[in-house]
PDB file of N, CA and C in Angstrom:
ATOM      1  N   MET A   1      24.322  -8.865  41.994  1.00  0.00           N
ATOM      2  CA  MET A   1      24.309  -7.800  40.445  1.00  0.00           C
ATOM      3  C   MET A   1      24.951  -6.184  40.788  1.00  0.00           C
ATOM      4  N   HIS A   2      25.435  -5.995  39.755  1.00  0.00           N
ATOM      5  CA  HIS A   2      25.983  -4.355  40.793  1.00  0.00           C
ATOM      6  C   HIS A   2      25.324  -3.524  39.566  1.00  0.00           C
ATOM      7  N   PRO A   3      25.460  -1.855  40.622  1.00  0.00           N
ATOM      8  CA  PRO A   3      24.350  -1.372  39.798  1.00  0.00           C
ATOM      9  C   PRO A   3      25.897  -0.631  38.838  1.00  0.00           C
ATOM     10  N   LEU A   4      25.457  -0.250  37.637  1.00  0.00           N
ATOM     11  CA  LEU A   4      25.823   0.551  36.529  1.00  0.00           C
ATOM     12  C   LEU A   4      26.575   1.629  37.213  1.00  0.00           C
ATOM     13  N   PRO A   5      27.519   2.269  36.463  1.00  0.00           N
ATOM     14  CA  PRO A   5      28.555   3.316  36.929  1.00  0.00           C
ATOM     15  C   PRO A   5      27.172   4.043  36.267  1.00  0.00           C
ATOM     16  N   SER A   6      27.495   5.517  36.637  1.00  0.00           N
ATOM     17  CA  SER A   6      26.399   6.522  36.184  1.00  0.00           C
ATOM     18  C   SER A   6      27.011   7.064  35.250  1.00  0.00           C
ATOM     19  N   LYS A   7      28.364   6.981  34.380  1.00  0.00           N
ATOM     20  CA  LYS A   7      29.167   7.627  32.858  1.00  0.00           C
ATOM     21  C   LYS A   7      28.179   6.196  32.393  1.00  0.00           C
ATOM     22  N   PHE A   8      28.225   5.334  32.613  1.00  0.00           N
ATOM     23  CA  PHE A   8      27.643   4.495  31.363  1.00  0.00           C
ATOM     24  C   PHE A   8      26.480   3.985  31.001  1.00  0.00           C
ATOM     25  N   VAL A   9      25.959   4.834  32.380  1.00  0.00           N
ATOM     26  CA  VAL A   9      24.074   5.123  32.392  1.00  0.00           C
ATOM     27  C   VAL A   9      23.713   6.173  31.067  1.00  0.00           C
ATOM     28  N   GLY A  10      24.497   6.952  31.550  1.00  0.00           N
ATOM     29  CA  GLY A  10      24.490   8.695  30.819  1.00  0.00           C
ATOM     30  C   GLY A  10      25.052   8.285  29.217  1.00  0.00           C
ATOM     31  N   GLY A  11      25.706   7.345  29.325  1.00  0.00           N
ATOM     32  CA  GLY A  11      26.162   7.009  27.627  1.00  0.00           C
ATOM     33  C   GLY A  11      25.130   6.342  27.034  1.00  0.00           C
ATOM     34  N   LEU A  12      24.913   5.001  27.659  1.00  0.00           N
ATOM     35  CA  LEU A  12      23.576   4.434  27.539  1.00  0.00           C
ATOM     36  C   LEU A  12      22.394   4.864  26.959  1.00  0.00           C
ATOM     37  N   MET A  13      21.975   5.987  27.817  1.00  0.00           N
ATOM     38  CA  MET A  13      20.990   7.084  27.537  1.00  0.00           C
ATOM     39  C   MET A  13      21.141   7.469  25.886  1.00  0.00           C
ATOM     40  N   LEU A  14      22.669   8.493  26.148  1.00  0.00           N
ATOM     41  CA  LEU A  14      22.436   9.332  24.487  1.00  0.00           C
ATOM     42  C   LEU A  14      22.461   8.145  23.790  1.00  0.00           C
ATOM     43  N   CYS A  15      23.382   7.195  23.751  1.00  0.00           N
ATOM     44  CA  CYS A  15      23.151   6.342  22.350  1.00  0.00           C
ATOM     45  C   CYS A  15      21.546   5.982  21.910  1.00  0.00           C
ATOM     46  N   LEU A  16      20.943   5.683  23.398  1.00  0.00           N
ATOM     47  CA  LEU A  16      19.326   5.431  22.834  1.00  0.00           C
ATOM     48  C   LEU A  16      18.951   6.257  22.005  1.00  0.00           C
ATOM     49  N   VAL A  17      19.114   7.656  22.668  1.00  0.00           N
ATOM     50  CA  VAL A  17      18.531   9.255  21.955  1.00  0.00           C
ATOM     51  C   VAL A  17      19.064   9.330  20.420  1.00  0.00           C
ATOM     52  N   LEU A  18      20.087   9.372  20.477  1.00  0.00           N
ATOM     53  CA  LEU A  18      20.496   9.431  18.955  1.00  0.00           C
ATOM     54  C   LEU A  18      20.237   8.550  18.178  1.00  0.00           C
ATOM     55  N   GLY A  19      20.279   7.175  18.501  1.00  0.00           N
ATOM     56  CA  GLY A  19      19.469   6.052  17.948  1.00  0.00           C
ATOM     57  C   GLY A  19      17.993   6.265  17.307  1.00  0.00           C
ATOM     58  N   SER A  20      17.177   6.704  18.365  1.00  0.00           N
ATOM     59  CA  SER A  20      15.934   6.928  17.424  1.00  0.00           C
ATOM     60  C   SER A  20      16.032   7.828  16.732  1.00  0.00           C
ATOM     61  N   SER A  21      16.981   9.051  17.387  1.00  0.00           N
ATOM     62  CA  SER A  21      16.325  10.250  16.472  1.00  0.00           C
ATOM     63  C   SER A  21      17.094   9.898  15.002  1.00  0.00           C
ATOM     64  N   SER A  22      18.253   8.827  14.773  1.00  0.00           N
ATOM     65  CA  SER A  22      18.515   8.739  13.241  1.00  0.00           C
ATOM     66  C   SER A  22      17.432   7.688  12.668  1.00  0.00           C
ATOM     67  N   LEU A  23      17.343   6.927  13.153  1.00  0.00           N
ATOM     68  CA  LEU A  23      15.931   6.359  13.042  1.00  0.00           C
ATOM     69  C   LEU A  23      14.445   6.795  12.022  1.00  0.00           C
ATOM     70  N   VAL A  24      14.377   8.265  13.223  1.00  0.00           N
ATOM     71  CA  VAL A  24      13.010   9.096  12.446  1.00  0.00           C
ATOM     72  C   VAL A  24      14.222  10.125  11.279  1.00  0.00           C
ATOM     73  N   LEU A  25      15.083  10.345  11.270  1.00  0.00           N
ATOM     74  CA  LEU A  25      15.959  10.991  10.019  1.00  0.00           C
ATOM     75  C   LEU A  25      15.742   9.719   8.812  1.00  0.00           C
ATOM     76  N   ALA A  26      16.047   8.635   9.260  1.00  0.00           N
ATOM     77  CA  ALA A  26      16.244   7.722   8.020  1.00  0.00           C
ATOM     78  C   ALA A  26      14.492   7.711   7.474  1.00  0.00           C
ATOM     79  N   GLN A  27      13.820   7.858   8.186  1.00  0.00           N
ATOM     80  CA  GLN A  27      12.092   7.494   7.502  1.00  0.00           C
ATOM     81  C   GLN A  27      11.846   8.766   7.269  1.00  0.00           C
ATOM     82  N   GLU A  28      12.529   9.962   7.725  1.00  0.00           N
ATOM     83  CA  GLU A  28      12.150  11.581   7.184  1.00  0.00           C
ATOM     84  C   GLU A  28      12.502  11.335   5.651  1.00  0.00           C
ATOM     85  N   SER A  29      14.244  11.001   5.654  1.00  0.00           N
ATOM     86  CA  SER A  29      14.599  10.889   4.163  1.00  0.00           C
ATOM     87  C   SER A  29      14.472   9.948   3.124  1.00  0.00           C
ATOM     88  N   SER A  30      13.549   9.041   3.270  1.00  0.00           N
ATOM     89  CA  SER A  30      13.318   7.983   2.402  1.00  0.00           C
ATOM     90  C   SER A  30      11.484   8.651   2.169  1.00  0.00           C
ATOM     91  N   LEU A  31      11.447  10.038   3.200  1.00  0.00           N
ATOM     92  CA  LEU A  31       9.803  10.642   2.357  1.00  0.00           C
ATOM     93  C   LEU A  31      10.192  11.512   1.681  1.00  0.00           C
ATOM     94  N   THR A  32      11.370  12.337   1.660  1.00  0.00           N
ATOM     95  CA  THR A  32      12.403  13.335   0.886  1.00  0.00           C
ATOM     96  C   THR A  32      12.944  13.022  -0.115  1.00  0.00           C
ATOM     97  N   ILE A  33      13.682  11.438  -0.575  1.00  0.00           N
ATOM     98  CA  ILE A  33      13.903  10.847  -1.581  1.00  0.00           C
ATOM     99  C   ILE A  33      13.049  10.523  -2.916  1.00  0.00           C
ATOM    100  N   PRO A  34      13.393  11.632  -3.883  1.00  0.00           N
ATOM    101  CA  PRO A  34      12.601  10.926  -5.170  1.00  0.00           C
ATOM    102  C   PRO A  34      12.194   9.472  -5.504  1.00  0.00           C
ATOM    103  N   HIS A  35      11.309   9.170  -5.408  1.00  0.00           N
ATOM    104  CA  HIS A  35      11.287   7.144  -6.140  1.00  0.00           C
ATOM    105  C   HIS A  35      10.927   7.490  -7.592  1.00  0.00           C
ATOM    106  N   ILE A  36      12.093   7.112  -8.111  1.00  0.00           N
ATOM    107  CA  ILE A  36      11.438   7.116  -9.546  1.00  0.00           C
ATOM    108  C   ILE A  36      11.117   5.384  -9.849  1.00  0.00           C
ATOM    109  N   TRP A  37       9.637   5.378 -10.741  1.00  0.00           N
ATOM    110  CA  TRP A  37       9.042   4.310 -10.789  1.00  0.00           C
ATOM    111  C   TRP A  37       9.137   4.231 -12.429  1.00  0.00           C
ATOM    112  N   SER A  38       9.428   2.883 -12.868  1.00  0.00           N
ATOM    113  CA  SER A  38       9.131   2.937 -14.598  1.00  0.00           C
ATOM    114  C   SER A  38       8.275   2.128 -14.657  1.00  0.00           C
ATOM    115  N   CYS A  39       7.316   2.020 -15.874  1.00  0.00           N
ATOM    116  CA  CYS A  39       6.879   1.186 -15.897  1.00  0.00           C
ATOM    117  C   CYS A  39       6.448   0.093 -16.985  1.00  0.00           C
ATOM    118  N   SER A  40       6.044  -0.722 -17.505  1.00  0.00           N
ATOM    119  CA  SER A  40       5.741  -1.517 -18.519  1.00  0.00           C
ATOM    120  C   SER A  40       5.355  -0.864 -19.772  1.00  0.00           C
ATOM    121  N   ASN A  41       5.114   0.179 -20.067  1.00  0.00           N
ATOM    122  CA  ASN A  41       4.651   0.934 -21.181  1.00  0.00           C
ATOM    123  C   ASN A  41       5.516   2.053 -21.415  1.00  0.00           C
ATOM    124  N   ASN A  42       6.756   1.595 -21.256  1.00  0.00           N
ATOM    125  CA  ASN A  42       7.723   2.892 -21.309  1.00  0.00           C
ATOM    126  C   ASN A  42       7.491   4.278 -20.485  1.00  0.00           C
ATOM    127  N   GLU A  43       6.688   3.945 -19.318  1.00  0.00           N
ATOM    128  CA  GLU A  43       6.223   5.335 -18.867  1.00  0.00           C
ATOM    129  C   GLU A  43       7.363   5.376 -17.691  1.00  0.00           C
ATOM    130  N   ARG A  44       7.163   6.019 -16.951  1.00  0.00           N
ATOM    131  CA  ARG A  44       7.741   6.595 -15.586  1.00  0.00           C
ATOM    132  C   ARG A  44       7.652   7.660 -14.785  1.00  0.00           C
ATOM    133  N   PHE A  45       7.243   7.775 -13.870  1.00  0.00           N
ATOM    134  CA  PHE A  45       6.589   9.028 -12.789  1.00  0.00           C
ATOM    135  C   PHE A  45       7.804   8.658 -11.517  1.00  0.00           C
ATOM    136  N   ILE A  46       7.167  10.070 -10.741  1.00  0.00           N
ATOM    137  CA  ILE A  46       8.100   9.904  -9.520  1.00  0.00           C
ATOM    138  C   ILE A  46       7.522  10.513  -8.288  1.00  0.00           C
ATOM    139  N   THR A  47       7.390   9.899  -7.170  1.00  0.00           N
ATOM    140  CA  THR A  47       7.041  10.185  -6.217  1.00  0.00           C
ATOM    141  C   THR A  47       7.768  10.761  -5.018  1.00  0.00           C
ATOM    142  N   SER A  48       7.583  11.692  -4.094  1.00  0.00           N
ATOM    143  CA  SER A  48       8.112  12.032  -2.934  1.00  0.00           C
ATOM    144  C   SER A  48       7.113  12.336  -1.594  1.00  0.00           C
ATOM    145  N   GLY A  49       7.835  12.783  -0.909  1.00  0.00           N
ATOM    146  CA  GLY A  49       6.658  13.058   0.529  1.00  0.00           C
ATOM    147  C   GLY A  49       6.029  12.114   1.004  1.00  0.00           C
ATOM    148  N   PRO A  50       5.503  12.692   1.812  1.00  0.00           N
ATOM    149  CA  PRO A  50       4.724  11.480   2.674  1.00  0.00           C
ATOM    150  C   PRO A  50       3.405  11.045   2.280  1.00  0.00           C
ATOM    151  N   ALA A  51       3.009  10.199   2.689  1.00  0.00           N
ATOM    152  CA  ALA A  51       1.352   9.485   1.748  1.00  0.00           C
ATOM    153  C   ALA A  51       0.672  10.529   2.226  1.00  0.00           C
ATOM    154  N   ASN A  52       0.510  11.654   3.167  1.00  0.00           N
ATOM    155  CA  ASN A  52      -0.879  12.059   3.171  1.00  0.00           C
ATOM    156  C   ASN A  52      -0.918  13.558   1.978  1.00  0.00           C
ATOM    157  N   LYS A  53       0.335  13.567   1.686  1.00  0.00           N
ATOM    158  CA  LYS A  53       0.772  14.479   0.961  1.00  0.00           C
ATOM    159  C   LYS A  53       1.778  14.166   0.012  1.00  0.00           C
ATOM    160  N   LEU A  54       1.063  13.194  -1.042  1.00  0.00           N
ATOM    161  CA  LEU A  54       2.155  12.307  -1.707  1.00  0.00           C
ATOM    162  C   LEU A  54       2.597  13.578  -2.984  1.00  0.00           C
ATOM    163  N   MET A  55       3.649  13.485  -3.645  1.00  0.00           N
ATOM    164  CA  MET A  55       3.841  14.305  -4.768  1.00  0.00           C
ATOM    165  C   MET A  55       3.565  13.711  -5.920  1.00  0.00           C
ATOM    166  N   VAL A  56       3.650  13.313  -6.934  1.00  0.00           N
ATOM    167  CA  VAL A  56       3.604  13.027  -8.052  1.00  0.00           C
ATOM    168  C   VAL A  56       3.932  13.662  -9.241  1.00  0.00           C
ATOM    169  N   GLN A  57       5.747  13.833  -9.865  1.00  0.00           N
ATOM    170  CA  GLN A  57       5.431  14.031 -11.112  1.00  0.00           C
ATOM    171  C   GLN A  57       5.577  13.227 -12.210  1.00  0.00           C
ATOM    172  N   TRP A  58       4.678  13.973 -13.046  1.00  0.00           N
ATOM    173  CA  TRP A  58       3.755  13.034 -14.402  1.00  0.00           C
ATOM    174  C   TRP A  58       3.932  13.854 -15.315  1.00  0.00           C
ATOM    175  N   ARG A  59       5.251  13.737 -16.211  1.00  0.00           N
ATOM    176  CA  ARG A  59       4.814  14.422 -17.719  1.00  0.00           C
ATOM    177  C   ARG A  59       5.366  15.781 -17.701  1.00  0.00           C
ATOM    178  N   SER A  60       6.314  16.002 -16.668  1.00  0.00           N
ATOM    179  CA  SER A  60       6.894  16.899 -16.536  1.00  0.00           C
ATOM    180  C   SER A  60       5.785  18.547 -15.970  1.00  0.00           C
ATOM    181  N   LYS A  61       4.731  17.438 -15.143  1.00  0.00           N
ATOM    182  CA  LYS A  61       3.894  18.286 -14.462  1.00  0.00           C
ATOM    183  C   LYS A  61       3.913  17.737 -12.520  1.00  0.00           C
ATOM    184  N   SER A  62       3.654  18.355 -11.659  1.00  0.00           N
ATOM    185  CA  SER A  62       3.654  18.423 -10.541  1.00  0.00           C
ATOM    186  C   SER A  62       2.383  17.946  -9.480  1.00  0.00           C
ATOM    187  N   TYR A  63       2.211  17.086  -8.659  1.00  0.00           N
ATOM    188  CA  TYR A  63       0.620  17.191  -8.733  1.00  0.00           C
ATOM    189  C   TYR A  63       0.697  16.559  -7.364  1.00  0.00           C
ATOM    190  N   GLU A  64      -0.129  17.059  -6.229  1.00  0.00           N
ATOM    191  CA  GLU A  64      -0.109  16.846  -5.204  1.00  0.00           C
ATOM    192  C   GLU A  64      -1.329  15.987  -4.881  1.00  0.00           C
ATOM    193  N   MET A  65      -0.992  14.550  -4.449  1.00  0.00           N
ATOM    194  CA  MET A  65      -1.886  13.842  -4.524  1.00  0.00           C
ATOM    195  C   MET A  65      -2.546  13.588  -3.065  1.00  0.00           C
ATOM    196  N   GLN A  66      -4.119  13.344  -2.741  1.00  0.00           N
ATOM    197  CA  GLN A  66      -4.599  13.247  -1.773  1.00  0.00           C
ATOM    198  C   GLN A  66      -4.790  11.266  -1.254  1.00  0.00           C
ATOM    199  N   LYS A  67      -4.338  11.214  -0.363  1.00  0.00           N
ATOM    200  CA  LYS A  67      -4.858   9.877   0.300  1.00  0.00           C
ATOM    201  C   LYS A  67      -6.294   9.290   0.088  1.00  0.00           C
ATOM    202  N   GLU A  68      -6.281   8.274  -0.550  1.00  0.00           N
ATOM    203  CA  GLU A  68      -7.842   7.434  -0.363  1.00  0.00           C
ATOM    204  C   GLU A  68      -7.916   6.412   0.302  1.00  0.00           C
ATOM    205  N   ALA A  69      -9.092   6.536   1.282  1.00  0.00           N
ATOM    206  CA  ALA A  69      -9.430   4.820   1.530  1.00  0.00           C
ATOM    207  C   ALA A  69      -9.015   3.566   0.533  1.00  0.00           C
ATOM    208  N   SER A  70      -8.748   2.456   0.588  1.00  0.00           N
ATOM    209  CA  SER A  70      -8.355   1.422   0.192  1.00  0.00           C
ATOM    210  C   SER A  70      -7.949   0.168   0.780  1.00  0.00           C
ATOM    211  N   LEU A  71      -8.124  -1.157  -0.046  1.00  0.00           N
ATOM    212  CA  LEU A  71      -8.385  -2.142   0.744  1.00  0.00           C
ATOM    213  C   LEU A  71      -7.127  -2.558   0.943  1.00  0.00           C
ATOM    214  N   PRO A  72      -7.081  -3.557   2.089  1.00  0.00           N
ATOM    215  CA  PRO A  72      -5.694  -3.678   2.873  1.00  0.00           C
ATOM    216  C   PRO A  72      -4.654  -4.218   2.114  1.00  0.00           C
ATOM    217  N   GLY A  73      -3.012  -4.067   2.259  1.00  0.00           N
ATOM    218  CA  GLY A  73      -2.175  -3.967   1.376  1.00  0.00           C
ATOM    219  C   GLY A  73      -2.096  -3.499  -0.009  1.00  0.00           C
ATOM    220  N   SER A  74      -3.196  -2.684   0.006  1.00  0.00           N
ATOM    221  CA  SER A  74      -2.848  -1.146  -1.228  1.00  0.00           C
ATOM    222  C   SER A  74      -2.723  -0.103  -1.054  1.00  0.00           C
ATOM    223  N   MET A  75      -2.805   1.039  -1.971  1.00  0.00           N
ATOM    224  CA  MET A  75      -2.829   2.479  -1.098  1.00  0.00           C
ATOM    225  C   MET A  75      -3.401   2.988  -2.227  1.00  0.00           C
ATOM    226  N   ARG A  76      -3.924   4.246  -2.847  1.00  0.00           N
ATOM    227  CA  ARG A  76      -4.402   4.985  -3.624  1.00  0.00           C
ATOM    228  C   ARG A  76      -4.557   6.264  -2.877  1.00  0.00           C
ATOM    229  N   PHE A  77      -3.904   7.445  -4.233  1.00  0.00           N
ATOM    230  CA  PHE A  77      -3.927   8.186  -3.980  1.00  0.00           C
ATOM    231  C   PHE A  77      -4.427   9.251  -5.233  1.00  0.00           C
ATOM    232  N   LYS A  78      -4.897  10.038  -5.174  1.00  0.00           N
ATOM    233  CA  LYS A  78      -6.117  10.870  -6.213  1.00  0.00           C
ATOM    234  C   LYS A  78      -5.536  12.464  -6.145  1.00  0.00           C
ATOM    235  N   HIS A  79      -5.646  13.205  -7.187  1.00  0.00           N
ATOM    236  CA  HIS A  79      -5.318  14.501  -7.632  1.00  0.00           C
ATOM    237  C   HIS A  79      -7.012  14.829  -8.525  1.00  0.00           C
ATOM    238  N   HIS A  80      -8.086  15.259  -7.842  1.00  0.00           N
ATOM    239  CA  HIS A  80      -9.078  14.818  -8.495  1.00  0.00           C
ATOM    240  C   HIS A  80      -9.093  15.985  -9.338  1.00  0.00           C
ATOM    241  N   ASP A  81      -8.725  17.336  -9.269  1.00  0.00           N
ATOM    242  CA  ASP A  81      -8.527  18.625 -10.606  1.00  0.00           C
ATOM    243  C   ASP A  81      -8.112  17.721 -11.986  1.00  0.00           C
ATOM    244  N   SER A  82      -6.808  16.741 -11.879  1.00  0.00           N
ATOM    245  CA  SER A  82      -6.661  16.470 -12.817  1.00  0.00           C
ATOM    246  C   SER A  82      -7.019  14.584 -13.273  1.00  0.00           C
ATOM    247  N   GLY A  83      -7.668  14.387 -12.556  1.00  0.00           N
ATOM    248  CA  GLY A  83      -8.293  13.085 -12.533  1.00  0.00           C
ATOM    249  C   GLY A  83      -6.809  11.923 -12.370  1.00  0.00           C
ATOM    250  N   LEU A  84      -5.623  12.253 -11.829  1.00  0.00           N
ATOM    251  CA  LEU A  84      -5.076  11.389 -11.365  1.00  0.00           C
ATOM    252  C   LEU A  84      -5.050  10.545 -10.646  1.00  0.00           C
ATOM    253  N   ASP A  85      -5.037   9.239 -10.735  1.00  0.00           N
ATOM    254  CA  ASP A  85      -5.438   8.670  -9.901  1.00  0.00           C
ATOM    255  C   ASP A  85      -4.161   7.133  -9.712  1.00  0.00           C
ATOM    256  N   LEU A  86      -3.523   7.230  -8.721  1.00  0.00           N
ATOM    257  CA  LEU A  86      -2.386   6.066  -8.297  1.00  0.00           C
ATOM    258  C   LEU A  86      -2.714   5.300  -7.334  1.00  0.00           C
ATOM    259  N   VAL A  87      -2.663   3.820  -8.062  1.00  0.00           N
ATOM    260  CA  VAL A  87      -2.842   2.775  -6.914  1.00  0.00           C
ATOM    261  C   VAL A  87      -1.576   1.788  -6.506  1.00  0.00           C
ATOM    262  N   VAL A  88      -1.120   1.737  -5.638  1.00  0.00           N
ATOM    263  CA  VAL A  88       0.070   0.741  -5.014  1.00  0.00           C
ATOM    264  C   VAL A  88      -0.485  -0.308  -4.835  1.00  0.00           C
ATOM    265  N   ILE A  89      -0.674  -2.031  -5.237  1.00  0.00           N
ATOM    266  CA  ILE A  89      -1.054  -2.968  -4.717  1.00  0.00           C
ATOM    267  C   ILE A  89       0.250  -3.940  -4.968  1.00  0.00           C
ATOM    268  N   GLY A  90       0.611  -3.979  -3.634  1.00  0.00           N
ATOM    269  CA  GLY A  90       1.718  -4.745  -3.576  1.00  0.00           C
ATOM    270  C   GLY A  90       2.623  -4.817  -4.352  1.00  0.00           C
ATOM    271  N   PRO A  91       3.233  -5.932  -5.147  1.00  0.00           N
ATOM    272  CA  PRO A  91       4.167  -5.848  -6.023  1.00  0.00           C
ATOM    273  C   PRO A  91       4.827  -4.592  -7.377  1.00  0.00           C
ATOM    274  N   LYS A  92       3.928  -3.579  -7.489  1.00  0.00           N
ATOM    275  CA  LYS A  92       3.508  -2.890  -8.669  1.00  0.00           C
ATOM    276  C   LYS A  92       2.333  -1.464  -8.357  1.00  0.00           C
ATOM    277  N   ALA A  93       2.883  -0.769  -9.221  1.00  0.00           N
ATOM    278  CA  ALA A  93       1.601   0.320  -9.437  1.00  0.00           C
ATOM    279  C   ALA A  93       1.102   0.852 -10.632  1.00  0.00           C
ATOM    280  N   MET A  94      -0.242   1.090 -10.403  1.00  0.00           N
ATOM    281  CA  MET A  94      -0.478   1.735 -11.984  1.00  0.00           C
ATOM    282  C   MET A  94      -1.066   3.157 -12.021  1.00  0.00           C
ATOM    283  N   LEU A  95      -1.100   3.951 -12.556  1.00  0.00           N
ATOM    284  CA  LEU A  95      -1.555   5.125 -12.789  1.00  0.00           C
ATOM    285  C   LEU A  95      -2.586   5.647 -13.774  1.00  0.00           C
ATOM    286  N   PHE A  96      -3.597   6.026 -13.212  1.00  0.00           N
ATOM    287  CA  PHE A  96      -5.443   5.975 -14.333  1.00  0.00           C
ATOM    288  C   PHE A  96      -5.130   7.021 -14.480  1.00  0.00           C
ATOM    289  N   ASN A  97      -5.868   7.840 -15.182  1.00  0.00           N
ATOM    290  CA  ASN A  97      -7.052   9.024 -15.635  1.00  0.00           C
ATOM    291  C   ASN A  97      -8.688   8.957 -15.307  1.00  0.00           C
ATOM    292  N   ILE A  98      -8.696   9.251 -14.238  1.00  0.00           N
ATOM    293  CA  ILE A  98     -10.211   8.487 -13.633  1.00  0.00           C
ATOM    294  C   ILE A  98     -11.262   9.547 -14.322  1.00  0.00           C
ATOM    295  N   LYS A  99     -10.766  10.906 -15.098  1.00  0.00           N
ATOM    296  CA  LYS A  99     -11.889  12.009 -15.629  1.00  0.00           C
ATOM    297  C   LYS A  99     -11.793  10.904 -17.052  1.00  0.00           C
ATOM    298  N   THR A 100     -11.032  10.710 -17.843  1.00  0.00           N
ATOM    299  CA  THR A 100     -10.792   9.871 -19.144  1.00  0.00           C
ATOM    300  C   THR A 100     -11.202   8.325 -19.569  1.00  0.00           C
ATOM    301  N   GLY A 101     -10.893   7.788 -18.059  1.00  0.00           N
ATOM    302  CA  GLY A 101     -11.264   6.349 -17.845  1.00  0.00           C
ATOM    303  C   GLY A 101     -10.119   5.761 -18.648  1.00  0.00           C
ATOM    304  N   ASN A 102      -9.062   5.816 -18.599  1.00  0.00           N
ATOM    305  CA  ASN A 102      -7.775   5.700 -19.417  1.00  0.00           C
ATOM    306  C   ASN A 102      -6.658   4.992 -18.084  1.00  0.00           C
ATOM    307  N   ARG A 103      -5.727   3.931 -18.113  1.00  0.00           N
ATOM    308  CA  ARG A 103      -4.834   3.299 -17.521  1.00  0.00           C
ATOM    309  C   ARG A 103      -3.656   4.169 -18.192  1.00  0.00           C
ATOM    310  N   LEU A 104      -2.814   5.075 -17.634  1.00  0.00           N
ATOM    311  CA  LEU A 104      -1.900   6.002 -18.300  1.00  0.00           C
ATOM    312  C   LEU A 104      -0.292   4.816 -18.171  1.00  0.00           C
ATOM    313  N   ALA A 105      -0.323   4.335 -17.379  1.00  0.00           N
ATOM    314  CA  ALA A 105       1.368   3.978 -16.567  1.00  0.00           C
ATOM    315  C   ALA A 105       0.777   2.215 -15.745  1.00  0.00           C
ATOM    316  N   ASP A 106       1.036   0.999 -15.916  1.00  0.00           N
ATOM    317  CA  ASP A 106       1.036  -0.109 -15.995  1.00  0.00           C
ATOM    318  C   ASP A 106       2.258  -0.859 -15.788  1.00  0.00           C
ATOM    319  N   GLU A 107       2.100  -1.709 -14.078  1.00  0.00           N
ATOM    320  CA  GLU A 107       3.366  -2.640 -13.978  1.00  0.00           C
ATOM    321  C   GLU A 107       4.603  -1.477 -13.393  1.00  0.00           C
ATOM    322  N   CYS A 108       4.145  -0.766 -13.282  1.00  0.00           N
ATOM    323  CA  CYS A 108       5.854   0.664 -12.595  1.00  0.00           C
ATOM    324  C   CYS A 108       5.652   0.139 -11.164  1.00  0.00           C
ATOM    325  N   LYS A 109       7.109   0.246 -10.744  1.00  0.00           N
ATOM    326  CA  LYS A 109       8.319  -0.298 -10.124  1.00  0.00           C
ATOM    327  C   LYS A 109       9.432   0.425 -10.074  1.00  0.00           C
ATOM    328  N   THR A 110       9.719   0.668  -8.751  1.00  0.00           N
ATOM    329  CA  THR A 110      11.091   1.368  -7.992  1.00  0.00           C
ATOM    330  C   THR A 110      12.022   0.503  -8.486  1.00  0.00           C
ATOM    331  N   VAL A 111      13.391   0.571  -8.477  1.00  0.00           N
ATOM    332  CA  VAL A 111      14.089  -0.126  -8.755  1.00  0.00           C
ATOM    333  C   VAL A 111      14.301  -1.488  -7.330  1.00  0.00           C
ATOM    334  N   SER A 112      14.263  -0.919  -5.988  1.00  0.00           N
ATOM    335  CA  SER A 112      14.226  -1.317  -5.028  1.00  0.00           C
ATOM    336  C   SER A 112      13.030  -2.890  -4.960  1.00  0.00           C
ATOM    337  N   MET A 113      11.394  -2.111  -5.756  1.00  0.00           N
ATOM    338  CA  MET A 113      10.639  -3.109  -5.994  1.00  0.00           C
ATOM    339  C   MET A 113      11.153  -4.207  -7.231  1.00  0.00           C
ATOM    340  N   LYS A 114      12.092  -4.009  -8.165  1.00  0.00           N
ATOM    341  CA  LYS A 114      12.782  -5.075  -8.998  1.00  0.00           C
ATOM    342  C   LYS A 114      13.566  -5.860  -8.028  1.00  0.00           C
ATOM    343  N   GLU A 115      13.892  -5.253  -7.020  1.00  0.00           N
ATOM    344  CA  GLU A 115      15.040  -6.196  -6.584  1.00  0.00           C
ATOM    345  C   GLU A 115      13.920  -7.286  -5.567  1.00  0.00           C
ATOM    346  N   GLY A 116      12.828  -7.181  -5.409  1.00  0.00           N
ATOM    347  CA  GLY A 116      12.126  -7.734  -4.297  1.00  0.00           C
ATOM    348  C   GLY A 116      11.251  -7.369  -3.705  1.00  0.00           C
ATOM    349  N   GLN A 117      11.769  -5.842  -2.873  1.00  0.00           N
ATOM    350  CA  GLN A 117      11.123  -5.301  -1.403  1.00  0.00           C
ATOM    351  C   GLN A 117       9.834  -4.680  -2.279  1.00  0.00           C
ATOM    352  N   GLU A 118       9.254  -4.774  -1.325  1.00  0.00           N
ATOM    353  CA  GLU A 118       7.554  -3.977  -1.490  1.00  0.00           C
ATOM    354  C   GLU A 118       7.879  -2.476  -1.584  1.00  0.00           C
ATOM    355  N   ALA A 119       6.832  -2.273  -1.917  1.00  0.00           N
ATOM    356  CA  ALA A 119       6.936  -0.590  -2.575  1.00  0.00           C
ATOM    357  C   ALA A 119       7.089   0.552  -1.118  1.00  0.00           C
ATOM    358  N   HIS A 120       8.022   1.103  -0.868  1.00  0.00           N
ATOM    359  CA  HIS A 120       8.586   2.160   0.204  1.00  0.00           C
ATOM    360  C   HIS A 120       7.258   2.671   0.497  1.00  0.00           C
ATOM    361  N   LEU A 121       6.020   3.382  -0.463  1.00  0.00           N
ATOM    362  CA  LEU A 121       4.449   3.769   0.460  1.00  0.00           C
ATOM    363  C   LEU A 121       4.097   2.775   1.260  1.00  0.00           C
ATOM    364  N   LEU A 122       4.178   1.693   1.605  1.00  0.00           N
ATOM    365  CA  LEU A 122       3.355   0.293   1.549  1.00  0.00           C
ATOM    366  C   LEU A 122       4.250   0.465   3.092  1.00  0.00           C
ATOM    367  N   ALA A 123       5.445   0.291   3.106  1.00  0.00           N
ATOM    368  CA  ALA A 123       6.019  -0.087   3.709  1.00  0.00           C
ATOM    369  C   ALA A 123       6.368   1.081   5.185  1.00  0.00           C
ATOM    370  N   LEU A 124       6.190   2.181   4.568  1.00  0.00           N
ATOM    371  CA  LEU A 124       5.771   3.633   5.649  1.00  0.00           C
ATOM    372  C   LEU A 124       3.897   3.391   6.379  1.00  0.00           C
ATOM    373  N   GLU A 125       3.569   2.610   5.830  1.00  0.00           N
ATOM    374  CA  GLU A 125       2.130   2.359   6.594  1.00  0.00           C
ATOM    375  C   GLU A 125       2.301   1.683   7.780  1.00  0.00           C
ATOM    376  N   LYS A 126       3.551   0.651   7.922  1.00  0.00           N
ATOM    377  CA  LYS A 126       3.436  -0.232   8.784  1.00  0.00           C
ATOM    378  C   LYS A 126       3.955   0.017   9.885  1.00  0.00           C
TER     379      LYS A 126
END
């Protein structure tokens, strides 16, 4: 076996570093890109940001949602002052108002979810 030339090893290390940084950038851009959710009752909302500080735009207002404990395969986010409660379960999401006990939006999906992919929020947890 022959040792690799130092130029090759240096170039390989640079590719590895650049490759890992582009993976991080791709993950970060997935967090900052707004995701539009269309719902079965003709409602829609937009999410952006990381799961620990998820921003939800609902009916012209923005809410910083706090991640709550949930069952495996699901995610739950709440804005306690307004009562908004976002639940993401596998192939769909639902938006509730826990103060009034109303389901505000049902069967909500992003474009990628309609194409068979899982919710980006669930993918970030893996």
